[in-house]
Amino acid sequence: MATFANDNEEAPAVLHNFDLDDAPQGEDYDIMHDADDDDEEDDEDFKFGESEDDEDEFDVPEDDSAFDTEEEDEEDVDMEAPKAKKNGKKTAEDSDLPPPHMRPNRKVGEAGSDDDEDDDEDDGIITNMDGDYDEEYTLPAVASGAGDDEEGQQEILGTTSFSDLDKRMRWLATILGAKAEEGPFRGLQGYSRSDHLTQLQHDIANYFGYNTFLVGKLMQLFSPPEALAFFEANETPRPVTIRTNTLRTRRRDLAQALINRGVNLEPIGKWSKVGLQVFESPVPVGATPEYMAGQYMLQAASSFLPVMALAPQPNERVLDMASAPGGKTTYISALLQNTGVVFANELNKARTKSLTANIHRMGCKNVVVCSYDGREFPKVMGGFDRVLLDAPCSGTGVISKDPSVKVNKVRRITILVYRTLQLTIYEPSLSVTSSY
């Protein structure tokens, strides 16, 4: 029993909630085994007093003592045992180890640290980070020699995943889009640049659902990176735009009326004084009371530009040679402020019904609807101040709205037919204008 410097004077009794005299003695039951050295010296300098009252009031049976537990004995084990696992041997002490979350942490760099083992294992890991691997690509469309055979290409490329197609497309677009000053061509050895272009053409056709003929024609208009961006853009829905009918209302009033109905919109841009872009609407934009009253027309923003370039003036005589469904015709009528005359011609008589309906709904009173072949107009009538010709075309500009265009252009003569038709209509349109 420890005493103070004066051996005749004992330490005063200490009040506590339990009796430490009944605690089991010995190193096996020392709960302060992991304490710091300073705490151990402090414990030796003090003597806890004995009190019978305390023993009676807080007497705890030896069997039920909080300090007499088998768990304590199991936890008080040699923590150096895990070192034996480095040799792959399982010792008898492994079964006595506490759970992993109760084991003390080792310092980084300490001998026998688990981090050393993890570092050794991670040395062989290969990630998909740039520079960690060099993936080899192949050109199956060229190697097979299938050429323009659509069915043969489907059999060859049909088993290729979309992710692999996407990777190969972007790789081909990158190496084919590199400039000459950046160095020599970095394609596969044994294959020419045209071979890589052929593979890119077939990959785009299979990935986006085109036929190879149309992809080849469109790729002639762009560089490989631009062509890939073009095909990706065709998969994005075009924004919904409307044109304010200035014969019925003003754009500010129309926008406020639609906003009151919960429509989210904003002006298209500074270049147009009548256009609005609709982002979302709780009601169909083509079925609002404002639409039925002719206050606006559902119309692509790109179709504003031909009429703006035409720049019709009041009291002029204007011919819209291919006018259905009436978006441009009604815009011309609005710019003329219902003065002059607009001849709305449409070759397809079936389409004149919707054309006439839109003209009436928009309140255009200076429009005459007719159905002639545009090439006959010099014989039918002339003397027009301005002529607008939105000639028939291949329809490749509406792929985002009509995906069937991707596969219905299957003949090489298709584009030539439209080009010839455009020229035959364009030449008469020049002769029907007045010369002032």
Protein backbone atom coordinates (compact mmCIF):
# COMPACT_ATOMS: atom_id res chain seq x y z
CA MET A 1 0.00 0.00 0.00
CA ALA A 2 1.45 3.34 -1.09
CA THR A 3 1.86 6.11 1.50
CA PHE A 4 2.76 9.78 1.53
CA ALA A 5 6.23 11.06 2.42
CA ASN A 6 5.08 11.02 6.04
CA ASP A 7 4.58 7.35 6.79
CA ASN A 8 2.33 8.11 9.79
CA GLU A 9 -0.19 9.97 7.67
CA GLU A 10 -2.50 8.09 5.32
CA ALA A 11 -4.34 9.52 2.33
CA PRO A 12 -7.93 10.62 3.00
CA ALA A 13 -10.75 8.36 1.94
CA VAL A 14 -12.04 8.98 -1.57
CA LEU A 15 -15.74 8.93 -2.39
CA HIS A 16 -16.60 6.75 -5.32
CA ASN A 17 -19.63 5.00 -6.82
CA PHE A 18 -18.17 1.52 -6.58
CA ASP A 19 -15.69 -0.30 -4.39
CA LEU A 20 -12.32 -0.82 -5.98
CA ASP A 21 -11.23 -3.19 -3.22
CA ASP A 22 -13.37 -5.93 -4.74
CA ALA A 23 -11.77 -5.57 -8.16
CA PRO A 24 -9.78 -8.65 -9.25
CA GLN A 25 -6.07 -8.25 -8.83
CA GLY A 26 -3.24 -9.14 -11.18
CA GLU A 27 -1.92 -8.10 -14.54
CA ASP A 28 -4.54 -10.12 -16.39
CA TYR A 29 -7.28 -7.92 -14.98
CA ASP A 30 -5.49 -4.57 -15.06
CA ILE A 31 -7.91 -2.21 -16.86
CA MET A 32 -5.24 0.47 -16.96
CA HIS A 33 -2.92 -1.72 -19.03
CA ASP A 34 -3.05 0.65 -22.03
CA ALA A 35 -2.84 3.89 -20.07
CA ASP A 36 0.04 6.34 -20.35
CA ASP A 37 3.07 6.06 -18.07
CA ASP A 38 2.22 9.33 -16.34
CA ASP A 39 -1.19 8.01 -15.31
CA GLU A 40 0.41 4.88 -13.85
CA GLU A 41 2.74 6.97 -11.66
CA ASP A 42 -0.20 9.04 -10.38
CA ASP A 43 -2.08 5.89 -9.36
CA GLU A 44 0.87 4.68 -7.31
CA ASP A 45 1.11 7.97 -5.41
CA PHE A 46 -2.41 7.74 -3.99
CA LYS A 47 -4.08 5.25 -1.63
CA PHE A 48 -7.80 4.86 -1.67
CA GLY A 49 -9.32 4.59 1.77
CA GLU A 50 -11.38 1.68 2.98
CA SER A 51 -14.90 2.13 4.27
CA GLU A 52 -17.26 -0.54 5.58
CA ASP A 53 -20.27 1.63 4.76
CA ASP A 54 -19.15 1.79 1.19
CA GLU A 55 -18.72 -1.95 1.09
CA ASP A 56 -22.21 -2.56 2.42
CA GLU A 57 -23.86 -0.04 0.15
CA PHE A 58 -22.06 -0.89 -3.06
CA ASP A 59 -21.16 -4.51 -2.47
CA VAL A 60 -20.92 -6.33 -5.79
CA PRO A 61 -20.64 -10.13 -5.89
CA GLU A 62 -17.38 -11.42 -7.29
CA ASP A 63 -19.16 -13.43 -9.96
CA ASP A 64 -21.04 -10.35 -11.20
CA SER A 65 -18.18 -7.90 -10.94
CA ALA A 66 -17.85 -5.51 -13.84
CA PHE A 67 -14.14 -6.24 -13.84
CA ASP A 68 -14.39 -10.03 -13.89
CA THR A 69 -15.35 -10.65 -17.54
CA GLU A 70 -14.03 -13.05 -20.07
CA GLU A 71 -14.34 -10.37 -22.79
CA GLU A 72 -11.67 -8.30 -21.06
CA ASP A 73 -9.34 -11.24 -21.07
CA GLU A 74 -10.04 -11.90 -24.74
CA GLU A 75 -9.44 -8.30 -25.76
CA ASP A 76 -6.16 -8.09 -23.85
CA VAL A 77 -4.16 -9.99 -26.46
CA ASP A 78 -0.88 -9.53 -28.16
CA MET A 79 -1.57 -7.17 -31.10
CA GLU A 80 1.62 -8.23 -32.79
CA ALA A 81 0.04 -11.52 -33.86
CA PRO A 82 -1.20 -10.19 -37.25
CA LYS A 83 2.43 -9.93 -38.31
CA ALA A 84 2.54 -13.68 -38.62
CA LYS A 85 0.02 -13.48 -41.49
CA LYS A 86 2.59 -12.03 -43.82
CA ASN A 87 3.95 -15.51 -44.42
CA GLY A 88 0.47 -16.78 -45.22
CA LYS A 89 0.27 -18.82 -41.97
CA LYS A 90 -2.69 -18.72 -39.65
CA THR A 91 -1.66 -18.83 -35.99
CA ALA A 92 -3.66 -20.08 -33.04
CA GLU A 93 -3.96 -16.52 -31.79
CA ASP A 94 -5.90 -15.43 -34.89
CA SER A 95 -9.12 -16.79 -33.47
CA ASP A 96 -8.62 -14.68 -30.32
CA LEU A 97 -8.18 -11.40 -32.17
CA PRO A 98 -10.80 -8.69 -31.61
CA PRO A 99 -12.95 -7.53 -34.54
CA PRO A 100 -11.10 -5.36 -37.11
CA HIS A 101 -12.88 -2.19 -36.07
CA MET A 102 -11.57 -2.60 -32.48
CA ARG A 103 -7.93 -3.12 -33.43
CA PRO A 104 -5.52 -0.18 -32.99
CA ASN A 105 -4.44 1.65 -36.13
CA ARG A 106 -0.86 1.35 -37.28
CA LYS A 107 1.12 4.37 -38.27
CA VAL A 108 1.80 4.96 -41.92
CA GLY A 109 5.17 3.50 -42.83
CA GLU A 110 5.33 1.32 -39.71
CA ALA A 111 6.83 -2.10 -40.19
CA GLY A 112 4.20 -4.69 -40.81
CA SER A 113 1.63 -2.07 -41.85
CA ASP A 114 -1.23 -3.25 -43.99
CA ASP A 115 -0.70 -0.22 -46.24
CA ASP A 116 2.55 -1.75 -47.48
CA GLU A 117 0.69 -4.82 -48.64
CA ASP A 118 -1.98 -2.70 -50.36
CA ASP A 119 0.68 -0.67 -52.15
CA ASP A 120 2.30 -3.83 -53.44
CA GLU A 121 -1.04 -5.12 -54.71
CA ASP A 122 -1.97 -1.78 -56.36
CA ASP A 123 1.24 -1.73 -58.37
CA GLY A 124 -0.26 -4.15 -60.88
CA ILE A 125 -3.63 -2.40 -61.30
CA ILE A 126 -4.31 -0.87 -64.73
CA THR A 127 -6.98 1.82 -64.85
CA ASN A 128 -8.77 3.38 -67.81
CA MET A 129 -7.12 6.74 -67.26
CA ASP A 130 -5.48 8.43 -70.25
CA GLY A 131 -2.11 6.88 -70.95
CA ASP A 132 -2.71 3.74 -68.89
CA TYR A 133 -3.58 1.64 -71.90
CA ASP A 134 -3.29 1.69 -75.64
CA GLU A 135 -6.43 0.23 -77.16
CA GLU A 136 -6.13 -1.32 -80.60
CA TYR A 137 -8.93 -0.64 -83.08
CA THR A 138 -9.81 -2.56 -86.21
CA LEU A 139 -11.52 -1.63 -89.50
CA PRO A 140 -14.02 -4.47 -90.05
CA ALA A 141 -15.88 -2.67 -92.85
CA VAL A 142 -12.67 -2.45 -94.86
CA ALA A 143 -11.24 -5.83 -93.92
CA SER A 144 -14.45 -7.63 -94.92
CA GLY A 145 -14.58 -5.97 -98.31
CA ALA A 146 -18.36 -5.59 -98.01
CA GLY A 147 -18.20 -2.05 -99.41
CA ASP A 148 -21.68 -0.55 -99.88
CA ASP A 149 -23.46 -3.82 -99.15
CA GLU A 150 -25.89 -2.81 -96.39
CA GLU A 151 -26.81 -6.37 -95.39
CA GLY A 152 -23.19 -7.44 -95.25
CA GLN A 153 -22.30 -4.52 -93.03
CA GLN A 154 -25.16 -5.29 -90.68
CA GLU A 155 -23.87 -8.83 -90.24
CA ILE A 156 -20.32 -7.62 -89.58
CA LEU A 157 -21.13 -4.71 -87.28
CA GLY A 158 -24.33 -6.03 -85.76
CA THR A 159 -22.48 -7.74 -82.92
CA THR A 160 -20.47 -4.62 -82.02
CA SER A 161 -21.73 -2.81 -78.93
CA PHE A 162 -22.77 0.83 -79.10
CA SER A 163 -20.05 1.81 -76.65
CA ASP A 164 -17.39 0.26 -78.89
CA LEU A 165 -18.87 1.98 -81.94
CA ASP A 166 -18.86 5.31 -80.13
CA LYS A 167 -15.21 4.94 -79.09
CA ARG A 168 -14.09 3.95 -82.56
CA MET A 169 -16.08 6.78 -84.21
CA ARG A 170 -14.49 9.41 -82.00
CA TRP A 171 -11.05 7.93 -82.50
CA LEU A 172 -11.49 7.96 -86.28
CA ALA A 173 -12.85 11.52 -86.26
CA THR A 174 -9.85 12.64 -84.19
CA ILE A 175 -7.15 11.13 -86.37
CA LEU A 176 -8.92 12.08 -89.62
CA GLY A 177 -9.46 15.65 -88.45
CA ALA A 178 -5.81 16.20 -87.56
CA LYS A 179 -4.08 18.85 -89.65
CA ALA A 180 -1.13 18.04 -91.87
CA GLU A 181 1.22 20.26 -89.86
CA GLU A 182 0.50 18.22 -86.74
CA GLY A 183 2.47 15.31 -88.14
CA PRO A 184 1.98 12.19 -90.26
CA PHE A 185 -1.31 10.33 -90.39
CA ARG A 186 -1.76 8.31 -87.20
CA GLY A 187 -4.03 5.60 -88.54
CA LEU A 188 -3.58 1.86 -88.47
CA GLN A 189 -0.63 0.51 -90.36
CA GLY A 190 -1.49 -1.08 -93.67
CA TYR A 191 -4.63 1.05 -94.16
CA SER A 192 -4.98 4.31 -96.07
CA ARG A 193 -6.83 7.45 -95.04
CA SER A 194 -9.72 6.54 -97.34
CA ASP A 195 -10.02 3.18 -95.55
CA HIS A 196 -10.45 4.99 -92.25
CA LEU A 197 -13.05 7.30 -93.83
CA THR A 198 -14.96 4.28 -95.09
CA GLN A 199 -14.98 2.76 -91.60
CA LEU A 200 -16.17 6.05 -90.09
CA GLN A 201 -18.97 6.21 -92.65
CA HIS A 202 -20.19 2.72 -91.77
CA ASP A 203 -19.86 3.29 -88.01
CA ILE A 204 -21.93 6.48 -88.20
CA ALA A 205 -24.57 4.70 -90.29
CA ASN A 206 -24.86 1.86 -87.79
CA TYR A 207 -24.70 4.03 -84.68
CA PHE A 208 -27.27 6.66 -85.73
CA GLY A 209 -29.45 4.48 -87.98
CA TYR A 210 -28.69 5.92 -91.44
CA ASN A 211 -28.01 4.17 -94.70
CA THR A 212 -24.41 4.46 -95.85
CA PHE A 213 -25.34 6.32 -99.02
CA LEU A 214 -26.82 9.33 -97.20
CA VAL A 215 -23.97 9.35 -94.66
CA GLY A 216 -21.44 9.40 -97.48
CA LYS A 217 -23.18 12.33 -99.19
CA LEU A 218 -23.35 14.35 -95.99
CA MET A 219 -19.74 13.58 -95.09
CA GLN A 220 -18.72 15.24 -98.36
CA LEU A 221 -19.98 18.55 -96.94
CA PHE A 222 -18.04 18.48 -93.66
CA SER A 223 -14.72 17.50 -92.17
CA PRO A 224 -14.84 14.26 -90.11
CA PRO A 225 -15.15 16.03 -86.71
CA GLU A 226 -17.80 18.40 -88.10
CA ALA A 227 -19.68 15.49 -89.71
CA LEU A 228 -19.82 13.62 -86.39
CA ALA A 229 -21.06 16.79 -84.65
CA PHE A 230 -23.70 17.22 -87.38
CA PHE A 231 -25.09 13.70 -86.93
CA GLU A 232 -25.15 14.14 -83.16
CA ALA A 233 -27.01 17.44 -83.53
CA ASN A 234 -29.67 15.70 -85.63
CA GLU A 235 -30.48 13.55 -82.59
CA THR A 236 -31.31 16.65 -80.52
CA PRO A 237 -34.93 17.89 -80.71
CA ARG A 238 -35.28 21.35 -82.17
CA PRO A 239 -36.69 24.10 -79.90
CA VAL A 240 -40.35 24.98 -80.23
CA THR A 241 -40.71 28.46 -81.70
CA ILE A 242 -43.72 30.59 -82.60
CA ARG A 243 -44.16 33.72 -84.71
CA THR A 244 -46.38 36.52 -83.48
CA ASN A 245 -49.05 37.56 -85.98
CA THR A 246 -48.78 41.35 -85.96
CA LEU A 247 -52.13 41.56 -87.77
CA ARG A 248 -53.81 40.31 -84.56
CA THR A 249 -51.64 41.29 -81.60
CA ARG A 250 -48.26 42.50 -80.36
CA ARG A 251 -45.48 40.19 -79.18
CA ARG A 252 -45.48 41.69 -75.69
CA ASP A 253 -49.21 41.11 -75.22
CA LEU A 254 -49.00 37.59 -76.64
CA ALA A 255 -46.10 36.68 -74.38
CA GLN A 256 -47.98 37.95 -71.31
CA ALA A 257 -51.11 36.00 -72.23
CA LEU A 258 -49.15 32.77 -72.64
CA ILE A 259 -47.18 33.35 -69.43
CA ASN A 260 -50.49 33.68 -67.58
CA ARG A 261 -51.31 30.19 -68.86
CA GLY A 262 -48.08 28.83 -67.37
CA VAL A 263 -46.01 28.82 -70.56
CA ASN A 264 -42.26 29.33 -70.09
CA LEU A 265 -40.90 31.35 -73.01
CA GLU A 266 -38.60 34.16 -74.05
CA PRO A 267 -37.78 36.13 -77.24
CA ILE A 268 -35.75 34.22 -79.82
CA GLY A 269 -33.17 36.96 -80.15
CA LYS A 270 -32.53 40.53 -81.15
CA TRP A 271 -32.57 39.60 -84.85
CA SER A 272 -36.34 38.91 -84.76
CA LYS A 273 -39.09 41.20 -83.46
CA VAL A 274 -41.86 38.60 -83.72
CA GLY A 275 -40.28 35.29 -82.64
CA LEU A 276 -40.72 33.54 -79.27
CA GLN A 277 -39.09 30.35 -78.05
CA VAL A 278 -41.19 28.05 -75.87
CA PHE A 279 -39.30 25.97 -73.29
CA GLU A 280 -42.20 24.24 -71.58
CA SER A 281 -45.96 24.51 -71.51
CA PRO A 282 -48.65 22.82 -69.39
CA VAL A 283 -51.02 22.99 -72.38
CA PRO A 284 -50.42 22.09 -76.06
CA VAL A 285 -49.01 25.16 -77.77
CA GLY A 286 -51.04 24.37 -80.88
CA ALA A 287 -54.37 24.29 -79.02
CA THR A 288 -54.49 27.45 -76.92
CA PRO A 289 -57.22 30.07 -77.39
CA GLU A 290 -54.54 32.46 -78.63
CA TYR A 291 -53.53 29.99 -81.33
CA MET A 292 -57.14 29.43 -82.40
CA ALA A 293 -57.62 33.20 -82.59
CA GLY A 294 -54.69 33.48 -84.99
CA GLN A 295 -52.40 35.43 -82.69
CA TYR A 296 -49.38 33.26 -83.53
CA MET A 297 -48.11 30.59 -85.91
CA LEU A 298 -46.10 27.52 -84.97
CA GLN A 299 -43.08 28.06 -87.18
CA ALA A 300 -39.36 27.20 -87.15
CA ALA A 301 -37.09 30.16 -86.59
CA SER A 302 -35.09 29.27 -89.70
CA SER A 303 -38.17 29.86 -91.87
CA PHE A 304 -38.28 33.49 -90.72
CA LEU A 305 -35.07 34.22 -92.61
CA PRO A 306 -36.27 33.80 -96.25
CA VAL A 307 -39.11 36.27 -95.69
CA MET A 308 -36.78 38.71 -93.92
CA ALA A 309 -34.38 38.44 -96.87
CA LEU A 310 -37.26 38.99 -99.31
CA ALA A 311 -38.19 42.18 -97.39
CA PRO A 312 -41.61 42.80 -99.03
CA GLN A 313 -42.93 46.35 -98.94
CA PRO A 314 -46.57 47.50 -98.59
CA ASN A 315 -48.72 47.57 -101.75
CA GLU A 316 -46.40 45.18 -103.61
CA ARG A 317 -47.36 42.18 -105.73
CA VAL A 318 -45.67 39.09 -104.30
CA LEU A 319 -45.65 35.42 -105.37
CA ASP A 320 -44.96 32.58 -102.95
CA MET A 321 -44.36 29.79 -105.48
CA ALA A 322 -44.41 26.84 -102.99
CA SER A 323 -46.43 28.16 -100.09
CA ALA A 324 -47.97 25.27 -98.05
CA PRO A 325 -48.56 25.13 -95.13
CA GLY A 326 -48.59 28.94 -95.06
CA GLY A 327 -46.01 30.06 -92.52
CA LYS A 328 -44.06 32.21 -94.96
CA THR A 329 -47.18 33.34 -96.84
CA THR A 330 -48.86 34.69 -93.72
CA TYR A 331 -45.59 36.35 -92.64
CA ILE A 332 -45.42 38.15 -96.01
CA SER A 333 -49.03 39.23 -95.61
CA ALA A 334 -48.27 40.63 -92.15
CA LEU A 335 -45.25 42.57 -93.45
CA LEU A 336 -47.44 43.99 -96.22
CA GLN A 337 -49.94 45.01 -93.49
CA ASN A 338 -52.76 43.42 -95.50
CA THR A 339 -52.02 45.66 -98.49
CA GLY A 340 -51.00 44.67 -102.00
CA VAL A 341 -51.53 41.08 -103.18
CA VAL A 342 -49.87 37.80 -102.20
CA PHE A 343 -50.32 34.84 -104.55
CA ALA A 344 -49.94 31.65 -102.56
CA ASN A 345 -49.24 28.83 -105.02
CA GLU A 346 -49.07 25.15 -104.11
CA LEU A 347 -48.60 22.33 -106.63
CA ASN A 348 -50.13 19.68 -104.37
CA LYS A 349 -53.88 20.39 -104.23
CA ALA A 350 -54.31 18.27 -101.11
CA ARG A 351 -52.08 20.69 -99.20
CA THR A 352 -54.07 23.75 -100.23
CA LYS A 353 -56.71 22.89 -97.60
CA SER A 354 -54.37 23.43 -94.66
CA LEU A 355 -52.90 26.45 -96.46
CA THR A 356 -56.32 28.06 -96.80
CA ALA A 357 -57.23 27.27 -93.18
CA ASN A 358 -54.08 29.00 -91.85
CA ILE A 359 -54.66 32.04 -94.05
CA HIS A 360 -58.18 32.47 -92.68
CA ARG A 361 -57.11 31.85 -89.06
CA MET A 362 -54.34 34.44 -89.28
CA GLY A 363 -56.66 37.10 -90.71
CA CYS A 364 -54.82 37.58 -94.03
CA LYS A 365 -57.13 39.41 -96.43
CA ASN A 366 -54.70 40.08 -99.27
CA VAL A 367 -53.88 36.45 -100.20
CA VAL A 368 -55.00 34.51 -103.27
CA VAL A 369 -54.55 30.71 -103.21
CA CYS A 370 -53.81 28.88 -106.47
CA SER A 371 -52.44 25.53 -107.58
CA TYR A 372 -50.06 25.52 -110.56
CA ASP A 373 -46.81 23.94 -111.54
CA GLY A 374 -44.28 26.65 -110.81
CA ARG A 375 -42.71 26.17 -114.24
CA GLU A 376 -45.94 27.37 -115.89
CA PHE A 377 -46.07 30.73 -114.15
CA PRO A 378 -44.59 32.81 -116.93
CA LYS A 379 -47.53 31.67 -119.09
CA VAL A 380 -50.16 31.97 -116.35
CA MET A 381 -49.28 35.41 -115.00
CA GLY A 382 -46.35 37.67 -114.32
CA GLY A 383 -45.54 41.19 -113.23
CA PHE A 384 -44.58 40.31 -109.63
CA ASP A 385 -42.47 42.67 -107.59
CA ARG A 386 -40.97 39.84 -105.53
CA VAL A 387 -41.00 36.05 -105.76
CA LEU A 388 -40.28 33.68 -102.87
CA LEU A 389 -39.29 30.15 -103.87
CA ASP A 390 -38.88 27.56 -101.14
CA ALA A 391 -38.08 24.83 -103.66
CA PRO A 392 -38.62 21.10 -102.96
CA CYS A 393 -35.50 19.53 -101.47
CA SER A 394 -34.14 16.24 -100.19
CA GLY A 395 -35.50 16.90 -96.69
CA THR A 396 -32.22 16.18 -94.91
CA GLY A 397 -32.67 19.31 -92.81
CA VAL A 398 -35.69 17.90 -90.94
CA ILE A 399 -34.12 14.65 -89.69
CA SER A 400 -34.65 15.70 -86.07
CA LYS A 401 -38.41 15.92 -86.75
CA ASP A 402 -38.69 13.06 -89.26
CA PRO A 403 -36.24 10.19 -88.57
CA SER A 404 -37.55 8.27 -91.59
CA VAL A 405 -35.38 10.53 -93.76
CA LYS A 406 -32.35 8.59 -92.48
CA VAL A 407 -33.22 5.51 -94.50
CA ASN A 408 -35.56 6.58 -97.33
CA LYS A 409 -32.78 8.17 -99.40
CA VAL A 410 -31.56 4.95 -100.96
CA ARG A 411 -30.91 5.93 -104.57
CA ARG A 412 -27.99 7.93 -105.80
CA ILE A 413 -30.24 9.73 -108.27
CA THR A 414 -32.43 11.18 -105.50
CA ILE A 415 -30.40 14.33 -104.85
CA LEU A 416 -29.86 14.88 -108.56
CA VAL A 417 -33.62 14.79 -109.14
CA TYR A 418 -34.23 17.47 -106.53
CA ARG A 419 -31.38 19.59 -107.85
CA THR A 420 -32.76 19.42 -111.40
CA LEU A 421 -36.25 20.27 -110.14
CA GLN A 422 -34.96 23.27 -108.23
CA LEU A 423 -33.19 24.64 -111.30
CA THR A 424 -36.21 24.20 -113.56
CA ILE A 425 -38.40 26.09 -111.10
CA TYR A 426 -35.83 28.74 -110.26
CA GLU A 427 -35.28 29.91 -113.83
CA PRO A 428 -39.00 30.72 -114.52
CA SER A 429 -39.25 32.48 -111.16
CA LEU A 430 -36.73 35.03 -112.39
CA SER A 431 -38.74 35.75 -115.54
CA VAL A 432 -42.02 36.49 -113.74
CA THR A 433 -40.69 39.44 -111.79
CA SER A 434 -41.25 42.99 -112.93
CA SER A 435 -38.30 44.97 -114.18
CA TYR A 436 -38.11 48.42 -112.66
